[in-house]
Amino acid sequence: MPSQEITWQVPEDLYRELLWAQEELAYPSLIDVVSQAVRRRLAEMRRETWRREFRSLQRQVRSAGGFDLGETKAQVVANLREIRRQVFEEEYAHLY
């Protein structure tokens, strides 16, 4: 896998923590410790972004009045079945 080189100056205390983590967690090299930490942080950032976008979508749905699927479980099921029937008739009925 191609790679790029980064030169990174860190405070002495952070460097000592990285060395401690390498030894404590038995990583073969300091690069492995940093790579793992960066990958984990990037995954957290993606989850945070997804949550933020999801909350924004929820607010948009609420401000638009919701999905209007009904109040009870039976109403929601009935409305979703009707929507499914309509979609089938509009999109797929001509195939049968």
PDB file of N, CA and C in Angstrom:
ATOM      1  N   MET A   1       0.847  -1.176   0.000  1.00  0.00           N
ATOM      2  CA  MET A   1       0.000   0.000   0.000  1.00  0.00           C
ATOM      3  C   MET A   1       0.893   1.240   0.000  1.00  0.00           C
ATOM      4  N   PRO A   2       0.630   2.174  -0.912  1.00  0.00           N
ATOM      5  CA  PRO A   2       1.425   3.402  -0.942  1.00  0.00           C
ATOM      6  C   PRO A   2       1.240   4.191   0.361  1.00  0.00           C
ATOM      7  N   SER A   3       2.251   4.929   0.717  1.00  0.00           N
ATOM      8  CA  SER A   3       2.151   5.711   1.948  1.00  0.00           C
ATOM      9  C   SER A   3       2.803   7.066   1.762  1.00  0.00           C
ATOM     10  N   GLN A   4       2.479   7.948   2.667  1.00  0.00           N
ATOM     11  CA  GLN A   4       3.036   9.290   2.692  1.00  0.00           C
ATOM     12  C   GLN A   4       3.763   9.477   4.015  1.00  0.00           C
ATOM     13  N   GLU A   5       4.767  10.297   4.013  1.00  0.00           N
ATOM     14  CA  GLU A   5       5.525  10.557   5.233  1.00  0.00           C
ATOM     15  C   GLU A   5       5.038  11.853   5.866  1.00  0.00           C
ATOM     16  N   ILE A   6       4.901  11.812   7.187  1.00  0.00           N
ATOM     17  CA  ILE A   6       4.519  12.992   7.958  1.00  0.00           C
ATOM     18  C   ILE A   6       5.569  13.205   9.036  1.00  0.00           C
ATOM     19  N   THR A   7       6.006  14.441   9.189  1.00  0.00           N
ATOM     20  CA  THR A   7       6.888  14.798  10.290  1.00  0.00           C
ATOM     21  C   THR A   7       6.041  15.559  11.291  1.00  0.00           C
ATOM     22  N   TRP A   8       6.045  15.084  12.527  1.00  0.00           N
ATOM     23  CA  TRP A   8       5.136  15.634  13.533  1.00  0.00           C
ATOM     24  C   TRP A   8       5.907  15.870  14.819  1.00  0.00           C
ATOM     25  N   GLN A   9       5.952  17.094  15.251  1.00  0.00           N
ATOM     26  CA  GLN A   9       6.601  17.414  16.515  1.00  0.00           C
ATOM     27  C   GLN A   9       5.539  17.423  17.603  1.00  0.00           C
ATOM     28  N   VAL A  10       5.812  16.670  18.666  1.00  0.00           N
ATOM     29  CA  VAL A  10       4.852  16.578  19.760  1.00  0.00           C
ATOM     30  C   VAL A  10       5.519  17.013  21.057  1.00  0.00           C
ATOM     31  N   PRO A  11       4.719  17.500  21.995  1.00  0.00           N
ATOM     32  CA  PRO A  11       5.280  17.846  23.296  1.00  0.00           C
ATOM     33  C   PRO A  11       5.900  16.619  23.958  1.00  0.00           C
ATOM     34  N   GLU A  12       6.882  16.849  24.777  1.00  0.00           N
ATOM     35  CA  GLU A  12       7.615  15.762  25.439  1.00  0.00           C
ATOM     36  C   GLU A  12       6.688  14.844  26.222  1.00  0.00           C
ATOM     37  N   ASP A  13       5.700  15.413  26.940  1.00  0.00           N
ATOM     38  CA  ASP A  13       4.803  14.560  27.734  1.00  0.00           C
ATOM     39  C   ASP A  13       3.955  13.652  26.849  1.00  0.00           C
ATOM     40  N   LEU A  14       3.510  14.136  25.710  1.00  0.00           N
ATOM     41  CA  LEU A  14       2.751  13.299  24.781  1.00  0.00           C
ATOM     42  C   LEU A  14       3.638  12.187  24.219  1.00  0.00           C
ATOM     43  N   TYR A  15       4.861  12.542  23.908  1.00  0.00           N
ATOM     44  CA  TYR A  15       5.800  11.534  23.401  1.00  0.00           C
ATOM     45  C   TYR A  15       5.999  10.430  24.434  1.00  0.00           C
ATOM     46  N   ARG A  16       6.148  10.793  25.695  1.00  0.00           N
ATOM     47  CA  ARG A  16       6.312   9.787  26.750  1.00  0.00           C
ATOM     48  C   ARG A  16       5.062   8.908  26.853  1.00  0.00           C
ATOM     49  N   GLU A  17       3.883   9.521  26.715  1.00  0.00           N
ATOM     50  CA  GLU A  17       2.640   8.734  26.753  1.00  0.00           C
ATOM     51  C   GLU A  17       2.573   7.758  25.582  1.00  0.00           C
ATOM     52  N   LEU A  18       2.993   8.206  24.414  1.00  0.00           N
ATOM     53  CA  LEU A  18       3.005   7.324  23.249  1.00  0.00           C
ATOM     54  C   LEU A  18       3.959   6.149  23.459  1.00  0.00           C
ATOM     55  N   LEU A  19       5.128   6.437  24.010  1.00  0.00           N
ATOM     56  CA  LEU A  19       6.066   5.362  24.298  1.00  0.00           C
ATOM     57  C   LEU A  19       5.495   4.398  25.330  1.00  0.00           C
ATOM     58  N   TRP A  20       4.840   4.931  26.347  1.00  0.00           N
ATOM     59  CA  TRP A  20       4.213   4.094  27.359  1.00  0.00           C
ATOM     60  C   TRP A  20       3.155   3.192  26.719  1.00  0.00           C
ATOM     61  N   ALA A  21       2.302   3.789  25.860  1.00  0.00           N
ATOM     62  CA  ALA A  21       1.246   3.020  25.197  1.00  0.00           C
ATOM     63  C   ALA A  21       1.842   1.924  24.320  1.00  0.00           C
ATOM     64  N   GLN A  22       2.916   2.244  23.623  1.00  0.00           N
ATOM     65  CA  GLN A  22       3.557   1.242  22.778  1.00  0.00           C
ATOM     66  C   GLN A  22       4.013   0.057  23.621  1.00  0.00           C
ATOM     67  N   GLU A  23       4.654   0.349  24.725  1.00  0.00           N
ATOM     68  CA  GLU A  23       5.153  -0.729  25.572  1.00  0.00           C
ATOM     69  C   GLU A  23       4.012  -1.469  26.262  1.00  0.00           C
ATOM     70  N   GLU A  24       3.098  -0.719  26.841  1.00  0.00           N
ATOM     71  CA  GLU A  24       1.992  -1.314  27.605  1.00  0.00           C
ATOM     72  C   GLU A  24       1.092  -2.187  26.728  1.00  0.00           C
ATOM     73  N   LEU A  25       0.832  -1.731  25.517  1.00  0.00           N
ATOM     74  CA  LEU A  25      -0.083  -2.443  24.620  1.00  0.00           C
ATOM     75  C   LEU A  25       0.652  -3.353  23.637  1.00  0.00           C
ATOM     76  N   ALA A  26       1.961  -3.436  23.785  1.00  0.00           N
ATOM     77  CA  ALA A  26       2.796  -4.327  22.979  1.00  0.00           C
ATOM     78  C   ALA A  26       2.691  -4.072  21.473  1.00  0.00           C
ATOM     79  N   TYR A  27       2.700  -2.800  21.096  1.00  0.00           N
ATOM     80  CA  TYR A  27       2.752  -2.455  19.679  1.00  0.00           C
ATOM     81  C   TYR A  27       4.193  -2.594  19.200  1.00  0.00           C
ATOM     82  N   PRO A  28       4.388  -3.087  17.989  1.00  0.00           N
ATOM     83  CA  PRO A  28       5.746  -3.276  17.497  1.00  0.00           C
ATOM     84  C   PRO A  28       6.522  -1.970  17.307  1.00  0.00           C
ATOM     85  N   SER A  29       5.801  -0.877  16.992  1.00  0.00           N
ATOM     86  CA  SER A  29       6.495   0.394  16.763  1.00  0.00           C
ATOM     87  C   SER A  29       5.602   1.555  17.177  1.00  0.00           C
ATOM     88  N   LEU A  30       6.233   2.688  17.333  1.00  0.00           N
ATOM     89  CA  LEU A  30       5.491   3.905  17.667  1.00  0.00           C
ATOM     90  C   LEU A  30       4.539   4.286  16.541  1.00  0.00           C
ATOM     91  N   ILE A  31       4.944   4.029  15.312  1.00  0.00           N
ATOM     92  CA  ILE A  31       4.088   4.299  14.149  1.00  0.00           C
ATOM     93  C   ILE A  31       2.778   3.535  14.266  1.00  0.00           C
ATOM     94  N   ASP A  32       2.839   2.287  14.724  1.00  0.00           N
ATOM     95  CA  ASP A  32       1.631   1.479  14.875  1.00  0.00           C
ATOM     96  C   ASP A  32       0.691   2.078  15.917  1.00  0.00           C
ATOM     97  N   VAL A  33       1.245   2.593  17.003  1.00  0.00           N
ATOM     98  CA  VAL A  33       0.428   3.232  18.048  1.00  0.00           C
ATOM     99  C   VAL A  33      -0.287   4.445  17.477  1.00  0.00           C
ATOM    100  N   VAL A  34       0.463   5.296  16.802  1.00  0.00           N
ATOM    101  CA  VAL A  34      -0.111   6.524  16.244  1.00  0.00           C
ATOM    102  C   VAL A  34      -1.138   6.196  15.164  1.00  0.00           C
ATOM    103  N   SER A  35      -0.829   5.233  14.309  1.00  0.00           N
ATOM    104  CA  SER A  35      -1.770   4.854  13.243  1.00  0.00           C
ATOM    105  C   SER A  35      -3.089   4.362  13.822  1.00  0.00           C
ATOM    106  N   GLN A  36      -2.989   3.502  14.836  1.00  0.00           N
ATOM    107  CA  GLN A  36      -4.204   2.980  15.469  1.00  0.00           C
ATOM    108  C   GLN A  36      -5.009   4.111  16.103  1.00  0.00           C
ATOM    109  N   ALA A  37      -4.336   5.014  16.796  1.00  0.00           N
ATOM    110  CA  ALA A  37      -5.029   6.133  17.445  1.00  0.00           C
ATOM    111  C   ALA A  37      -5.718   7.020  16.413  1.00  0.00           C
ATOM    112  N   VAL A  38      -5.043   7.296  15.325  1.00  0.00           N
ATOM    113  CA  VAL A  38      -5.620   8.143  14.275  1.00  0.00           C
ATOM    114  C   VAL A  38      -6.816   7.450  13.637  1.00  0.00           C
ATOM    115  N   ARG A  39      -6.686   6.147  13.353  1.00  0.00           N
ATOM    116  CA  ARG A  39      -7.822   5.414  12.757  1.00  0.00           C
ATOM    117  C   ARG A  39      -9.041   5.433  13.670  1.00  0.00           C
ATOM    118  N   ARG A  40      -8.804   5.234  14.966  1.00  0.00           N
ATOM    119  CA  ARG A  40      -9.927   5.261  15.908  1.00  0.00           C
ATOM    120  C   ARG A  40     -10.566   6.636  15.958  1.00  0.00           C
ATOM    121  N   ARG A  41      -9.748   7.667  15.988  1.00  0.00           N
ATOM    122  CA  ARG A  41     -10.307   9.030  16.036  1.00  0.00           C
ATOM    123  C   ARG A  41     -11.078   9.347  14.764  1.00  0.00           C
ATOM    124  N   LEU A  42     -10.571   8.936  13.620  1.00  0.00           N
ATOM    125  CA  LEU A  42     -11.291   9.165  12.368  1.00  0.00           C
ATOM    126  C   LEU A  42     -12.635   8.442  12.366  1.00  0.00           C
ATOM    127  N   ALA A  43     -12.678   7.232  12.893  1.00  0.00           N
ATOM    128  CA  ALA A  43     -13.942   6.493  12.988  1.00  0.00           C
ATOM    129  C   ALA A  43     -14.914   7.234  13.902  1.00  0.00           C
ATOM    130  N   GLU A  44     -14.417   7.761  15.023  1.00  0.00           N
ATOM    131  CA  GLU A  44     -15.272   8.549  15.920  1.00  0.00           C
ATOM    132  C   GLU A  44     -15.816   9.776  15.207  1.00  0.00           C
ATOM    133  N   MET A  45     -14.965  10.439  14.437  1.00  0.00           N
ATOM    134  CA  MET A  45     -15.393  11.635  13.715  1.00  0.00           C
ATOM    135  C   MET A  45     -16.475  11.297  12.690  1.00  0.00           C
ATOM    136  N   ARG A  46     -16.329  10.151  12.011  1.00  0.00           N
ATOM    137  CA  ARG A  46     -17.366   9.747  11.049  1.00  0.00           C
ATOM    138  C   ARG A  46     -18.683   9.477  11.764  1.00  0.00           C
ATOM    139  N   ARG A  47     -18.619   8.809  12.926  1.00  0.00           N
ATOM    140  CA  ARG A  47     -19.846   8.557  13.690  1.00  0.00           C
ATOM    141  C   ARG A  47     -20.472   9.869  14.157  1.00  0.00           C
ATOM    142  N   GLU A  48     -19.647  10.792  14.625  1.00  0.00           N
ATOM    143  CA  GLU A  48     -20.164  12.086  15.075  1.00  0.00           C
ATOM    144  C   GLU A  48     -20.837  12.832  13.928  1.00  0.00           C
ATOM    145  N   THR A  49     -20.215  12.788  12.756  1.00  0.00           N
ATOM    146  CA  THR A  49     -20.794  13.446  11.579  1.00  0.00           C
ATOM    147  C   THR A  49     -22.122  12.803  11.213  1.00  0.00           C
ATOM    148  N   TRP A  50     -22.160  11.454  11.234  1.00  0.00           N
ATOM    149  CA  TRP A  50     -23.397  10.746  10.910  1.00  0.00           C
ATOM    150  C   TRP A  50     -24.499  11.133  11.894  1.00  0.00           C
ATOM    151  N   ARG A  51     -24.175  11.155  13.199  1.00  0.00           N
ATOM    152  CA  ARG A  51     -25.178  11.518  14.213  1.00  0.00           C
ATOM    153  C   ARG A  51     -25.681  12.936  14.005  1.00  0.00           C
ATOM    154  N   ARG A  52     -24.767  13.853  13.712  1.00  0.00           N
ATOM    155  CA  ARG A  52     -25.154  15.247  13.491  1.00  0.00           C
ATOM    156  C   ARG A  52     -26.085  15.357  12.282  1.00  0.00           C
ATOM    157  N   GLU A  53     -25.754  14.683  11.198  1.00  0.00           N
ATOM    158  CA  GLU A  53     -26.596  14.714  10.004  1.00  0.00           C
ATOM    159  C   GLU A  53     -27.938  14.045  10.259  1.00  0.00           C
ATOM    160  N   PHE A  54     -27.932  12.958  11.037  1.00  0.00           N
ATOM    161  CA  PHE A  54     -29.179  12.275  11.363  1.00  0.00           C
ATOM    162  C   PHE A  54     -30.082  13.175  12.205  1.00  0.00           C
ATOM    163  N   ARG A  55     -29.494  13.849  13.205  1.00  0.00           N
ATOM    164  CA  ARG A  55     -30.296  14.778  14.025  1.00  0.00           C
ATOM    165  C   ARG A  55     -30.867  15.908  13.178  1.00  0.00           C
ATOM    166  N   SER A  56     -30.089  16.393  12.221  1.00  0.00           N
ATOM    167  CA  SER A  56     -30.581  17.432  11.319  1.00  0.00           C
ATOM    168  C   SER A  56     -31.753  16.921  10.503  1.00  0.00           C
ATOM    169  N   LEU A  57     -31.651  15.706  10.012  1.00  0.00           N
ATOM    170  CA  LEU A  57     -32.749  15.102   9.255  1.00  0.00           C
ATOM    171  C   LEU A  57     -33.984  14.939  10.137  1.00  0.00           C
ATOM    172  N   GLN A  58     -33.785  14.501  11.389  1.00  0.00           N
ATOM    173  CA  GLN A  58     -34.918  14.376  12.315  1.00  0.00           C
ATOM    174  C   GLN A  58     -35.613  15.722  12.500  1.00  0.00           C
ATOM    175  N   ARG A  59     -34.822  16.785  12.671  1.00  0.00           N
ATOM    176  CA  ARG A  59     -35.422  18.121  12.839  1.00  0.00           C
ATOM    177  C   ARG A  59     -36.208  18.532  11.594  1.00  0.00           C
ATOM    178  N   GLN A  60     -35.671  18.224  10.421  1.00  0.00           N
ATOM    179  CA  GLN A  60     -36.363  18.557   9.182  1.00  0.00           C
ATOM    180  C   GLN A  60     -37.691  17.811   9.082  1.00  0.00           C
ATOM    181  N   VAL A  61     -37.678  16.544   9.448  1.00  0.00           N
ATOM    182  CA  VAL A  61     -38.911  15.744   9.391  1.00  0.00           C
ATOM    183  C   VAL A  61     -39.926  16.312  10.377  1.00  0.00           C
ATOM    184  N   ARG A  62     -39.476  16.615  11.600  1.00  0.00           N
ATOM    185  CA  ARG A  62     -40.397  17.181  12.597  1.00  0.00           C
ATOM    186  C   ARG A  62     -40.970  18.513  12.131  1.00  0.00           C
ATOM    187  N   SER A  63     -40.118  19.374  11.586  1.00  0.00           N
ATOM    188  CA  SER A  63     -40.602  20.691  11.162  1.00  0.00           C
ATOM    189  C   SER A  63     -41.550  20.588   9.975  1.00  0.00           C
ATOM    190  N   ALA A  64     -41.420  19.513   9.192  1.00  0.00           N
ATOM    191  CA  ALA A  64     -42.319  19.307   8.048  1.00  0.00           C
ATOM    192  C   ALA A  64     -43.602  18.599   8.459  1.00  0.00           C
ATOM    193  N   GLY A  65     -43.713  18.282   9.744  1.00  0.00           N
ATOM    194  CA  GLY A  65     -44.938  17.647  10.214  1.00  0.00           C
ATOM    195  C   GLY A  65     -44.843  16.145  10.356  1.00  0.00           C
ATOM    196  N   GLY A  66     -43.652  15.608  10.234  1.00  0.00           N
ATOM    197  CA  GLY A  66     -43.479  14.169  10.404  1.00  0.00           C
ATOM    198  C   GLY A  66     -43.788  13.406   9.131  1.00  0.00           C
ATOM    199  N   PHE A  67     -43.873  12.110   9.272  1.00  0.00           N
ATOM    200  CA  PHE A  67     -44.136  11.252   8.125  1.00  0.00           C
ATOM    201  C   PHE A  67     -45.624  11.036   7.900  1.00  0.00           C
ATOM    202  N   ASP A  68     -46.438  11.434   8.857  1.00  0.00           N
ATOM    203  CA  ASP A  68     -47.887  11.278   8.769  1.00  0.00           C
ATOM    204  C   ASP A  68     -48.268   9.829   8.497  1.00  0.00           C
ATOM    205  N   LEU A  69     -47.696   8.934   9.295  1.00  0.00           N
ATOM    206  CA  LEU A  69     -47.971   7.508   9.128  1.00  0.00           C
ATOM    207  C   LEU A  69     -49.043   7.010  10.080  1.00  0.00           C
ATOM    208  N   GLY A  70     -49.432   7.824  11.036  1.00  0.00           N
ATOM    209  CA  GLY A  70     -50.439   7.419  12.004  1.00  0.00           C
ATOM    210  C   GLY A  70     -49.906   7.482  13.420  1.00  0.00           C
ATOM    211  N   GLU A  71     -50.823   7.304  14.352  1.00  0.00           N
ATOM    212  CA  GLU A  71     -50.463   7.405  15.764  1.00  0.00           C
ATOM    213  C   GLU A  71     -50.261   6.046  16.413  1.00  0.00           C
ATOM    214  N   THR A  72     -51.030   5.066  16.001  1.00  0.00           N
ATOM    215  CA  THR A  72     -50.924   3.740  16.614  1.00  0.00           C
ATOM    216  C   THR A  72     -50.155   2.808  15.691  1.00  0.00           C
ATOM    217  N   LYS A  73     -49.741   1.686  16.241  1.00  0.00           N
ATOM    218  CA  LYS A  73     -49.020   0.692  15.449  1.00  0.00           C
ATOM    219  C   LYS A  73     -49.883   0.207  14.283  1.00  0.00           C
ATOM    220  N   ALA A  74     -51.152  -0.013  14.550  1.00  0.00           N
ATOM    221  CA  ALA A  74     -52.064  -0.494  13.497  1.00  0.00           C
ATOM    222  C   ALA A  74     -52.205   0.548  12.389  1.00  0.00           C
ATOM    223  N   GLN A  75     -52.292   1.819  12.759  1.00  0.00           N
ATOM    224  CA  GLN A  75     -52.396   2.883  11.746  1.00  0.00           C
ATOM    225  C   GLN A  75     -51.126   2.962  10.905  1.00  0.00           C
ATOM    226  N   VAL A  76     -49.983   2.870  11.566  1.00  0.00           N
ATOM    227  CA  VAL A  76     -48.714   2.930  10.848  1.00  0.00           C
ATOM    228  C   VAL A  76     -48.610   1.766   9.871  1.00  0.00           C
ATOM    229  N   VAL A  77     -48.942   0.560  10.308  1.00  0.00           N
ATOM    230  CA  VAL A  77     -48.874  -0.617   9.443  1.00  0.00           C
ATOM    231  C   VAL A  77     -49.832  -0.454   8.261  1.00  0.00           C
ATOM    232  N   ALA A  78     -51.043  -0.012   8.531  1.00  0.00           N
ATOM    233  CA  ALA A  78     -52.023   0.168   7.458  1.00  0.00           C
ATOM    234  C   ALA A  78     -51.548   1.211   6.450  1.00  0.00           C
ATOM    235  N   ASN A  79     -51.009   2.318   6.944  1.00  0.00           N
ATOM    236  CA  ASN A  79     -50.533   3.374   6.039  1.00  0.00           C
ATOM    237  C   ASN A  79     -49.327   2.906   5.222  1.00  0.00           C
ATOM    238  N   LEU A  80     -48.399   2.183   5.853  1.00  0.00           N
ATOM    239  CA  LEU A  80     -47.252   1.678   5.104  1.00  0.00           C
ATOM    240  C   LEU A  80     -47.678   0.661   4.058  1.00  0.00           C
ATOM    241  N   ARG A  81     -48.664  -0.167   4.359  1.00  0.00           N
ATOM    242  CA  ARG A  81     -49.171  -1.120   3.366  1.00  0.00           C
ATOM    243  C   ARG A  81     -49.793  -0.394   2.186  1.00  0.00           C
ATOM    244  N   GLU A  82     -50.508   0.680   2.472  1.00  0.00           N
ATOM    245  CA  GLU A  82     -51.118   1.467   1.397  1.00  0.00           C
ATOM    246  C   GLU A  82     -50.044   2.131   0.538  1.00  0.00           C
ATOM    247  N   ILE A  83     -49.031   2.650   1.165  1.00  0.00           N
ATOM    248  CA  ILE A  83     -47.930   3.261   0.409  1.00  0.00           C
ATOM    249  C   ILE A  83     -47.250   2.205  -0.454  1.00  0.00           C
ATOM    250  N   ARG A  84     -47.010   1.032   0.112  1.00  0.00           N
ATOM    251  CA  ARG A  84     -46.385  -0.055  -0.648  1.00  0.00           C
ATOM    252  C   ARG A  84     -47.252  -0.429  -1.844  1.00  0.00           C
ATOM    253  N   ARG A  85     -48.565  -0.514  -1.644  1.00  0.00           N
ATOM    254  CA  ARG A  85     -49.479  -0.843  -2.739  1.00  0.00           C
ATOM    255  C   ARG A  85     -49.401   0.216  -3.835  1.00  0.00           C
ATOM    256  N   GLN A  86     -49.393   1.485  -3.433  1.00  0.00           N
ATOM    257  CA  GLN A  86     -49.320   2.568  -4.414  1.00  0.00           C
ATOM    258  C   GLN A  86     -48.012   2.529  -5.203  1.00  0.00           C
ATOM    259  N   VAL A  87     -46.920   2.317  -4.488  1.00  0.00           N
ATOM    260  CA  VAL A  87     -45.622   2.230  -5.173  1.00  0.00           C
ATOM    261  C   VAL A  87     -45.616   1.068  -6.141  1.00  0.00           C
ATOM    262  N   PHE A  88     -46.153  -0.074  -5.721  1.00  0.00           N
ATOM    263  CA  PHE A  88     -46.202  -1.237  -6.601  1.00  0.00           C
ATOM    264  C   PHE A  88     -46.995  -0.908  -7.855  1.00  0.00           C
ATOM    265  N   GLU A  89     -48.164  -0.311  -7.694  1.00  0.00           N
ATOM    266  CA  GLU A  89     -49.006  -0.005  -8.857  1.00  0.00           C
ATOM    267  C   GLU A  89     -48.326   0.986  -9.790  1.00  0.00           C
ATOM    268  N   GLU A  90     -47.629   1.972  -9.213  1.00  0.00           N
ATOM    269  CA  GLU A  90     -46.990   2.992 -10.054  1.00  0.00           C
ATOM    270  C   GLU A  90     -45.711   2.487 -10.714  1.00  0.00           C
ATOM    271  N   GLU A  91     -44.970   1.655 -10.028  1.00  0.00           N
ATOM    272  CA  GLU A  91     -43.645   1.285 -10.510  1.00  0.00           C
ATOM    273  C   GLU A  91     -43.557  -0.117 -11.115  1.00  0.00           C
ATOM    274  N   TYR A  92     -44.372  -1.046 -10.605  1.00  0.00           N
ATOM    275  CA  TYR A  92     -44.141  -2.448 -10.976  1.00  0.00           C
ATOM    276  C   TYR A  92     -45.350  -3.150 -11.592  1.00  0.00           C
ATOM    277  N   ALA A  93     -46.545  -2.621 -11.441  1.00  0.00           N
ATOM    278  CA  ALA A  93     -47.755  -3.313 -11.922  1.00  0.00           C
ATOM    279  C   ALA A  93     -47.667  -3.638 -13.413  1.00  0.00           C
ATOM    280  N   HIS A  94     -47.037  -2.767 -14.187  1.00  0.00           N
ATOM    281  CA  HIS A  94     -46.960  -3.002 -15.631  1.00  0.00           C
ATOM    282  C   HIS A  94     -46.099  -4.224 -15.984  1.00  0.00           C
ATOM    283  N   LEU A  95     -45.333  -4.719 -15.042  1.00  0.00           N
ATOM    284  CA  LEU A  95     -44.496  -5.888 -15.304  1.00  0.00           C
ATOM    285  C   LEU A  95     -45.276  -7.192 -15.192  1.00  0.00           C
ATOM    286  N   TYR A  96     -46.499  -7.139 -14.616  1.00  0.00           N
ATOM    287  CA  TYR A  96     -47.281  -8.354 -14.406  1.00  0.00           C
ATOM    288  C   TYR A  96     -48.515  -8.385 -15.236  1.00  0.00           C
TER     289      TYR A  96
END
